[in-house]
PDB file of N, CA and C in Angstrom:
ATOM      1  N   GLY A   1      18.157 -62.186 -26.990  1.00  0.00           N
ATOM      2  CA  GLY A   1      16.949 -62.415 -26.255  1.00  0.00           C
ATOM      3  C   GLY A   1      16.225 -61.122 -25.952  1.00  0.00           C
ATOM      4  N   ASP A   2      15.142 -61.242 -25.240  1.00  0.00           N
ATOM      5  CA  ASP A   2      14.356 -60.075 -24.851  1.00  0.00           C
ATOM      6  C   ASP A   2      15.089 -59.270 -23.781  1.00  0.00           C
ATOM      7  N   TYR A   3      14.883 -57.975 -23.803  1.00  0.00           N
ATOM      8  CA  TYR A   3      15.472 -57.116 -22.790  1.00  0.00           C
ATOM      9  C   TYR A   3      14.623 -55.853 -22.664  1.00  0.00           C
ATOM     10  N   ILE A   4      14.826 -55.156 -21.555  1.00  0.00           N
ATOM     11  CA  ILE A   4      14.124 -53.894 -21.321  1.00  0.00           C
ATOM     12  C   ILE A   4      15.088 -52.786 -21.734  1.00  0.00           C
ATOM     13  N   SER A   5      14.778 -52.103 -22.845  1.00  0.00           N
ATOM     14  CA  SER A   5      15.680 -51.060 -23.328  1.00  0.00           C
ATOM     15  C   SER A   5      15.408 -49.712 -22.650  1.00  0.00           C
ATOM     16  N   VAL A   6      14.151 -49.464 -22.318  1.00  0.00           N
ATOM     17  CA  VAL A   6      13.779 -48.214 -21.659  1.00  0.00           C
ATOM     18  C   VAL A   6      12.865 -48.554 -20.488  1.00  0.00           C
ATOM     19  N   TRP A   7      13.166 -47.959 -19.336  1.00  0.00           N
ATOM     20  CA  TRP A   7      12.320 -48.172 -18.157  1.00  0.00           C
ATOM     21  C   TRP A   7      11.806 -46.816 -17.718  1.00  0.00           C
ATOM     22  N   ASN A   8      10.518 -46.606 -17.840  1.00  0.00           N
ATOM     23  CA  ASN A   8       9.954 -45.314 -17.463  1.00  0.00           C
ATOM     24  C   ASN A   8       8.716 -45.477 -16.581  1.00  0.00           C
ATOM     25  N   VAL A   9       8.762 -46.442 -15.679  1.00  0.00           N
ATOM     26  CA  VAL A   9       7.651 -46.681 -14.763  1.00  0.00           C
ATOM     27  C   VAL A   9       7.912 -45.880 -13.493  1.00  0.00           C
ATOM     28  N   SER A  10       7.070 -44.951 -13.217  1.00  0.00           N
ATOM     29  CA  SER A  10       7.231 -44.077 -12.061  1.00  0.00           C
ATOM     30  C   SER A  10       6.989 -44.838 -10.762  1.00  0.00           C
ATOM     31  N   GLY A  11       7.913 -44.691  -9.839  1.00  0.00           N
ATOM     32  CA  GLY A  11       7.751 -45.291  -8.515  1.00  0.00           C
ATOM     33  C   GLY A  11       8.131 -46.759  -8.426  1.00  0.00           C
ATOM     34  N   VAL A  12       8.609 -47.351  -9.520  1.00  0.00           N
ATOM     35  CA  VAL A  12       9.010 -48.761  -9.512  1.00  0.00           C
ATOM     36  C   VAL A  12      10.409 -48.860 -10.099  1.00  0.00           C
ATOM     37  N   ASP A  13      11.314 -49.461  -9.338  1.00  0.00           N
ATOM     38  CA  ASP A  13      12.678 -49.623  -9.831  1.00  0.00           C
ATOM     39  C   ASP A  13      12.725 -50.646 -10.952  1.00  0.00           C
ATOM     40  N   LYS A  14      13.610 -50.412 -11.895  1.00  0.00           N
ATOM     41  CA  LYS A  14      13.825 -51.361 -12.994  1.00  0.00           C
ATOM     42  C   LYS A  14      14.341 -52.676 -12.401  1.00  0.00           C
ATOM     43  N   PRO A  15      13.738 -53.797 -12.779  1.00  0.00           N
ATOM     44  CA  PRO A  15      14.213 -55.078 -12.240  1.00  0.00           C
ATOM     45  C   PRO A  15      15.628 -55.394 -12.740  1.00  0.00           C
ATOM     46  N   THR A  16      16.382 -56.048 -11.875  1.00  0.00           N
ATOM     47  CA  THR A  16      17.739 -56.447 -12.247  1.00  0.00           C
ATOM     48  C   THR A  16      17.682 -57.702 -13.106  1.00  0.00           C
ATOM     49  N   ASP A  17      18.783 -58.001 -13.773  1.00  0.00           N
ATOM     50  CA  ASP A  17      18.864 -59.241 -14.546  1.00  0.00           C
ATOM     51  C   ASP A  17      18.651 -60.450 -13.647  1.00  0.00           C
ATOM     52  N   GLU A  18      19.185 -60.387 -12.417  1.00  0.00           N
ATOM     53  CA  GLU A  18      18.989 -61.498 -11.465  1.00  0.00           C
ATOM     54  C   GLU A  18      17.513 -61.698 -11.150  1.00  0.00           C
ATOM     55  N   GLN A  19      16.800 -60.596 -10.928  1.00  0.00           N
ATOM     56  CA  GLN A  19      15.365 -60.690 -10.640  1.00  0.00           C
ATOM     57  C   GLN A  19      14.598 -61.257 -11.826  1.00  0.00           C
ATOM     58  N   LEU A  20      14.924 -60.775 -13.012  1.00  0.00           N
ATOM     59  CA  LEU A  20      14.244 -61.279 -14.207  1.00  0.00           C
ATOM     60  C   LEU A  20      14.527 -62.757 -14.416  1.00  0.00           C
ATOM     61  N   ASN A  21      15.770 -63.172 -14.208  1.00  0.00           N
ATOM     62  CA  ASN A  21      16.115 -64.593 -14.346  1.00  0.00           C
ATOM     63  C   ASN A  21      15.387 -65.440 -13.317  1.00  0.00           C
ATOM     64  N   ALA A  22      15.246 -64.918 -12.096  1.00  0.00           N
ATOM     65  CA  ALA A  22      14.524 -65.650 -11.055  1.00  0.00           C
ATOM     66  C   ALA A  22      13.052 -65.811 -11.431  1.00  0.00           C
ATOM     67  N   PHE A  23      12.447 -64.734 -11.946  1.00  0.00           N
ATOM     68  CA  PHE A  23      11.046 -64.813 -12.378  1.00  0.00           C
ATOM     69  C   PHE A  23      10.883 -65.809 -13.522  1.00  0.00           C
ATOM     70  N   GLU A  24      11.841 -65.806 -14.443  1.00  0.00           N
ATOM     71  CA  GLU A  24      11.762 -66.736 -15.567  1.00  0.00           C
ATOM     72  C   GLU A  24      11.892 -68.179 -15.095  1.00  0.00           C
ATOM     73  N   SER A  25      12.801 -68.423 -14.156  1.00  0.00           N
ATOM     74  CA  SER A  25      12.962 -69.777 -13.612  1.00  0.00           C
ATOM     75  C   SER A  25      11.695 -70.239 -12.906  1.00  0.00           C
ATOM     76  N   GLU A  26      11.108 -69.335 -12.132  1.00  0.00           N
ATOM     77  CA  GLU A  26       9.865 -69.669 -11.425  1.00  0.00           C
ATOM     78  C   GLU A  26       8.744 -69.948 -12.422  1.00  0.00           C
ATOM     79  N   ALA A  27       8.660 -69.154 -13.464  1.00  0.00           N
ATOM     80  CA  ALA A  27       7.626 -69.357 -14.484  1.00  0.00           C
ATOM     81  C   ALA A  27       7.830 -70.688 -15.202  1.00  0.00           C
ATOM     82  N   ASP A  28       9.073 -71.040 -15.487  1.00  0.00           N
ATOM     83  CA  ASP A  28       9.366 -72.328 -16.124  1.00  0.00           C
ATOM     84  C   ASP A  28       8.920 -73.489 -15.239  1.00  0.00           C
ATOM     85  N   ALA A  29       9.173 -73.365 -13.926  1.00  0.00           N
ATOM     86  CA  ALA A  29       8.782 -74.424 -12.992  1.00  0.00           C
ATOM     87  C   ALA A  29       7.266 -74.557 -12.920  1.00  0.00           C
ATOM     88  N   VAL A  30       6.567 -73.440 -12.879  1.00  0.00           N
ATOM     89  CA  VAL A  30       5.096 -73.462 -12.839  1.00  0.00           C
ATOM     90  C   VAL A  30       4.546 -74.069 -14.124  1.00  0.00           C
ATOM     91  N   GLU A  31       5.128 -73.686 -15.246  1.00  0.00           N
ATOM     92  CA  GLU A  31       4.691 -74.229 -16.536  1.00  0.00           C
ATOM     93  C   GLU A  31       4.897 -75.741 -16.600  1.00  0.00           C
ATOM     94  N   ALA A  32       6.033 -76.217 -16.108  1.00  0.00           N
ATOM     95  CA  ALA A  32       6.307 -77.657 -16.104  1.00  0.00           C
ATOM     96  C   ALA A  32       5.325 -78.396 -15.195  1.00  0.00           C
ATOM     97  N   LEU A  33       5.042 -77.822 -14.031  1.00  0.00           N
ATOM     98  CA  LEU A  33       4.094 -78.457 -13.105  1.00  0.00           C
ATOM     99  C   LEU A  33       2.694 -78.487 -13.709  1.00  0.00           C
ATOM    100  N   ASN A  34       2.310 -77.418 -14.386  1.00  0.00           N
ATOM    101  CA  ASN A  34       0.998 -77.404 -15.046  1.00  0.00           C
ATOM    102  C   ASN A  34       0.907 -78.477 -16.127  1.00  0.00           C
ATOM    103  N   GLN A  35       2.018 -78.756 -16.800  1.00  0.00           N
ATOM    104  CA  GLN A  35       2.030 -79.819 -17.803  1.00  0.00           C
ATOM    105  C   GLN A  35       1.847 -81.185 -17.140  1.00  0.00           C
ATOM    106  N   VAL A  36       2.475 -81.376 -15.980  1.00  0.00           N
ATOM    107  CA  VAL A  36       2.287 -82.626 -15.226  1.00  0.00           C
ATOM    108  C   VAL A  36       0.810 -82.794 -14.880  1.00  0.00           C
ATOM    109  N   TYR A  37       0.195 -81.730 -14.372  1.00  0.00           N
ATOM    110  CA  TYR A  37      -1.224 -81.802 -14.013  1.00  0.00           C
ATOM    111  C   TYR A  37      -2.099 -82.098 -15.232  1.00  0.00           C
ATOM    112  N   ALA A  38      -1.791 -81.489 -16.367  1.00  0.00           N
ATOM    113  CA  ALA A  38      -2.568 -81.733 -17.591  1.00  0.00           C
ATOM    114  C   ALA A  38      -2.415 -83.183 -18.037  1.00  0.00           C
ATOM    115  N   ASN A  39      -1.197 -83.702 -17.972  1.00  0.00           N
ATOM    116  CA  ASN A  39      -0.959 -85.098 -18.347  1.00  0.00           C
ATOM    117  C   ASN A  39      -1.711 -86.049 -17.430  1.00  0.00           C
ATOM    118  N   ARG A  40      -1.652 -85.762 -16.134  1.00  0.00           N
ATOM    119  CA  ARG A  40      -2.369 -86.614 -15.179  1.00  0.00           C
ATOM    120  C   ARG A  40      -3.867 -86.577 -15.430  1.00  0.00           C
ATOM    121  N   LYS A  41      -4.401 -85.384 -15.620  1.00  0.00           N
ATOM    122  CA  LYS A  41      -5.846 -85.237 -15.826  1.00  0.00           C
ATOM    123  C   LYS A  41      -6.320 -86.038 -17.032  1.00  0.00           C
ATOM    124  N   ALA A  42      -5.499 -86.054 -18.078  1.00  0.00           N
ATOM    125  CA  ALA A  42      -5.868 -86.779 -19.298  1.00  0.00           C
ATOM    126  C   ALA A  42      -5.906 -88.289 -19.080  1.00  0.00           C
ATOM    127  N   GLU A  43      -5.150 -88.785 -18.111  1.00  0.00           N
ATOM    128  CA  GLU A  43      -5.067 -90.239 -17.928  1.00  0.00           C
ATOM    129  C   GLU A  43      -5.743 -90.762 -16.666  1.00  0.00           C
ATOM    130  N   TYR A  44      -6.157 -89.876 -15.765  1.00  0.00           N
ATOM    131  CA  TYR A  44      -6.860 -90.334 -14.564  1.00  0.00           C
ATOM    132  C   TYR A  44      -8.171 -91.001 -14.962  1.00  0.00           C
ATOM    133  N   PRO A  45      -8.668 -91.898 -14.108  1.00  0.00           N
ATOM    134  CA  PRO A  45      -9.997 -92.463 -14.359  1.00  0.00           C
ATOM    135  C   PRO A  45     -11.038 -91.338 -14.428  1.00  0.00           C
ATOM    136  N   SER A  46     -12.050 -91.540 -15.233  1.00  0.00           N
ATOM    137  CA  SER A  46     -13.093 -90.528 -15.385  1.00  0.00           C
ATOM    138  C   SER A  46     -13.918 -90.411 -14.097  1.00  0.00           C
ATOM    139  N   ILE A  47     -14.674 -89.344 -14.012  1.00  0.00           N
ATOM    140  CA  ILE A  47     -15.577 -89.159 -12.873  1.00  0.00           C
ATOM    141  C   ILE A  47     -16.553 -90.328 -12.783  1.00  0.00           C
ATOM    142  N   GLN A  48     -17.051 -90.773 -13.927  1.00  0.00           N
ATOM    143  CA  GLN A  48     -17.986 -91.903 -13.940  1.00  0.00           C
ATOM    144  C   GLN A  48     -17.314 -93.161 -13.390  1.00  0.00           C
ATOM    145  N   ASP A  49     -16.052 -93.397 -13.792  1.00  0.00           N
ATOM    146  CA  ASP A  49     -15.327 -94.554 -13.269  1.00  0.00           C
ATOM    147  C   ASP A  49     -15.135 -94.443 -11.760  1.00  0.00           C
ATOM    148  N   CYS A  50     -14.880 -93.234 -11.283  1.00  0.00           N
ATOM    149  CA  CYS A  50     -14.705 -93.030  -9.842  1.00  0.00           C
ATOM    150  C   CYS A  50     -16.004 -93.305  -9.093  1.00  0.00           C
ATOM    151  N   VAL A  51     -17.107 -92.815  -9.629  1.00  0.00           N
ATOM    152  CA  VAL A  51     -18.404 -93.045  -8.991  1.00  0.00           C
ATOM    153  C   VAL A  51     -18.707 -94.542  -8.951  1.00  0.00           C
ATOM    154  N   HIS A  52     -18.461 -95.232 -10.051  1.00  0.00           N
ATOM    155  CA  HIS A  52     -18.702 -96.682 -10.075  1.00  0.00           C
ATOM    156  C   HIS A  52     -17.804 -97.399  -9.071  1.00  0.00           C
ATOM    157  N   ALA A  53     -16.567 -96.972  -8.943  1.00  0.00           N
ATOM    158  CA  ALA A  53     -15.653 -97.594  -7.978  1.00  0.00           C
ATOM    159  C   ALA A  53     -16.163 -97.393  -6.559  1.00  0.00           C
ATOM    160  N   ILE A  54     -16.677 -96.201  -6.272  1.00  0.00           N
ATOM    161  CA  ILE A  54     -17.224 -95.932  -4.939  1.00  0.00           C
ATOM    162  C   ILE A  54     -18.447 -96.806  -4.686  1.00  0.00           C
ATOM    163  N   LEU A  55     -19.351 -96.829  -5.652  1.00  0.00           N
ATOM    164  CA  LEU A  55     -20.586 -97.604  -5.475  1.00  0.00           C
ATOM    165  C   LEU A  55     -20.330 -99.100  -5.447  1.00  0.00           C
ATOM    166  N   ASP A  56     -19.312 -99.560  -6.181  1.00  0.00           N
ATOM    167  CA  ASP A  56     -19.000-100.987  -6.230  1.00  0.00           C
ATOM    168  C   ASP A  56     -17.989-101.400  -5.168  1.00  0.00           C
ATOM    169  N   ASP A  57     -17.652-100.478  -4.263  1.00  0.00           N
ATOM    170  CA  ASP A  57     -16.681-100.739  -3.194  1.00  0.00           C
ATOM    171  C   ASP A  57     -15.353-101.238  -3.774  1.00  0.00           C
ATOM    172  N   ASP A  58     -14.866-100.530  -4.787  1.00  0.00           N
ATOM    173  CA  ASP A  58     -13.619-100.896  -5.464  1.00  0.00           C
ATOM    174  C   ASP A  58     -12.610 -99.756  -5.375  1.00  0.00           C
ATOM    175  N   LEU A  59     -12.561 -99.102  -4.219  1.00  0.00           N
ATOM    176  CA  LEU A  59     -11.671 -97.957  -4.049  1.00  0.00           C
ATOM    177  C   LEU A  59     -10.198 -98.348  -4.116  1.00  0.00           C
ATOM    178  N   GLU A  60      -9.877 -99.547  -3.670  1.00  0.00           N
ATOM    179  CA  GLU A  60      -8.478 -99.981  -3.701  1.00  0.00           C
ATOM    180  C   GLU A  60      -7.959-100.015  -5.147  1.00  0.00           C
ATOM    181  N   ASN A  61      -8.735-100.577  -6.043  1.00  0.00           N
ATOM    182  CA  ASN A  61      -8.333-100.623  -7.448  1.00  0.00           C
ATOM    183  C   ASN A  61      -8.256 -99.216  -8.045  1.00  0.00           C
ATOM    184  N   LEU A  62      -9.185 -98.350  -7.673  1.00  0.00           N
ATOM    185  CA  LEU A  62      -9.173 -96.973  -8.147  1.00  0.00           C
ATOM    186  C   LEU A  62      -7.889 -96.275  -7.709  1.00  0.00           C
ATOM    187  N   GLN A  63      -7.497 -96.467  -6.468  1.00  0.00           N
ATOM    188  CA  GLN A  63      -6.267 -95.852  -5.974  1.00  0.00           C
ATOM    189  C   GLN A  63      -5.036 -96.406  -6.700  1.00  0.00           C
ATOM    190  N   ILE A  64      -5.056 -97.663  -7.033  1.00  0.00           N
ATOM    191  CA  ILE A  64      -3.949 -98.263  -7.793  1.00  0.00           C
ATOM    192  C   ILE A  64      -3.842 -97.601  -9.162  1.00  0.00           C
ATOM    193  N   LEU A  65      -4.970 -97.401  -9.827  1.00  0.00           N
ATOM    194  CA  LEU A  65      -4.971 -96.739 -11.128  1.00  0.00           C
ATOM    195  C   LEU A  65      -4.462 -95.301 -11.029  1.00  0.00           C
ATOM    196  N   ARG A  66      -4.922 -94.592 -10.011  1.00  0.00           N
ATOM    197  CA  ARG A  66      -4.492 -93.199  -9.833  1.00  0.00           C
ATOM    198  C   ARG A  66      -3.008 -93.122  -9.530  1.00  0.00           C
ATOM    199  N   GLN A  67      -2.512 -94.029  -8.705  1.00  0.00           N
ATOM    200  CA  GLN A  67      -1.089 -94.014  -8.357  1.00  0.00           C
ATOM    201  C   GLN A  67      -0.220 -94.328  -9.568  1.00  0.00           C
ATOM    202  N   ALA A  68      -0.701 -95.197 -10.436  1.00  0.00           N
ATOM    203  CA  ALA A  68       0.050 -95.512 -11.654  1.00  0.00           C
ATOM    204  C   ALA A  68       0.219 -94.256 -12.518  1.00  0.00           C
ATOM    205  N   VAL A  69      -0.817 -93.434 -12.585  1.00  0.00           N
ATOM    206  CA  VAL A  69      -0.737 -92.181 -13.352  1.00  0.00           C
ATOM    207  C   VAL A  69       0.241 -91.230 -12.669  1.00  0.00           C
ATOM    208  N   LYS A  70       0.170 -91.128 -11.348  1.00  0.00           N
ATOM    209  CA  LYS A  70       1.103 -90.266 -10.618  1.00  0.00           C
ATOM    210  C   LYS A  70       2.541 -90.716 -10.822  1.00  0.00           C
ATOM    211  N   ASN A  71       2.764 -92.017 -10.834  1.00  0.00           N
ATOM    212  CA  ASN A  71       4.109 -92.548 -11.053  1.00  0.00           C
ATOM    213  C   ASN A  71       4.593 -92.253 -12.469  1.00  0.00           C
ATOM    214  N   LYS A  72       3.677 -92.291 -13.423  1.00  0.00           N
ATOM    215  CA  LYS A  72       4.032 -92.019 -14.819  1.00  0.00           C
ATOM    216  C   LYS A  72       4.397 -90.556 -15.030  1.00  0.00           C
ATOM    217  N   PHE A  73       3.716 -89.664 -14.292  1.00  0.00           N
ATOM    218  CA  PHE A  73       3.937 -88.216 -14.423  1.00  0.00           C
ATOM    219  C   PHE A  73       4.255 -87.610 -13.046  1.00  0.00           C
ATOM    220  N   PRO A  74       5.463 -87.876 -12.535  1.00  0.00           N
ATOM    221  CA  PRO A  74       5.810 -87.367 -11.198  1.00  0.00           C
ATOM    222  C   PRO A  74       6.070 -85.859 -11.209  1.00  0.00           C
ATOM    223  N   LYS A  75       5.806 -85.219 -10.102  1.00  0.00           N
ATOM    224  CA  LYS A  75       6.075 -83.787  -9.970  1.00  0.00           C
ATOM    225  C   LYS A  75       7.574 -83.518  -9.865  1.00  0.00           C
ATOM    226  N   GLU A  76       8.337 -84.457  -9.380  1.00  0.00           N
ATOM    227  CA  GLU A  76       9.755 -84.261  -9.118  1.00  0.00           C
ATOM    228  C   GLU A  76      10.582 -84.069 -10.370  1.00  0.00           C
ATOM    229  N   ASN A  77      10.075 -84.399 -11.548  1.00  0.00           N
ATOM    230  CA  ASN A  77      10.852 -84.271 -12.783  1.00  0.00           C
ATOM    231  C   ASN A  77      10.916 -82.847 -13.279  1.00  0.00           C
ATOM    232  N   ASN A  78      10.413 -81.917 -12.526  1.00  0.00           N
ATOM    233  CA  ASN A  78      10.380 -80.527 -13.006  1.00  0.00           C
ATOM    234  C   ASN A  78      11.604 -79.778 -12.582  1.00  0.00           C
TER     235      ASN A  78
END
């Protein structure tokens, strides 16, 4: 895998393997959450559908549709 063979940054200590692993884990979690958001965005009702739901007083149905997308792509699976 990747590694730091030479560290020559003045005034900054070379990160430990534990620190690098922690950063990688955090980055993986952020990447997974961003994928959830992208999936949700692709399936949420469009802005036009939302406007029509508001104007037609159909917010309950809109919320049902949005919740179905949230259930399909939960944040907890990351």
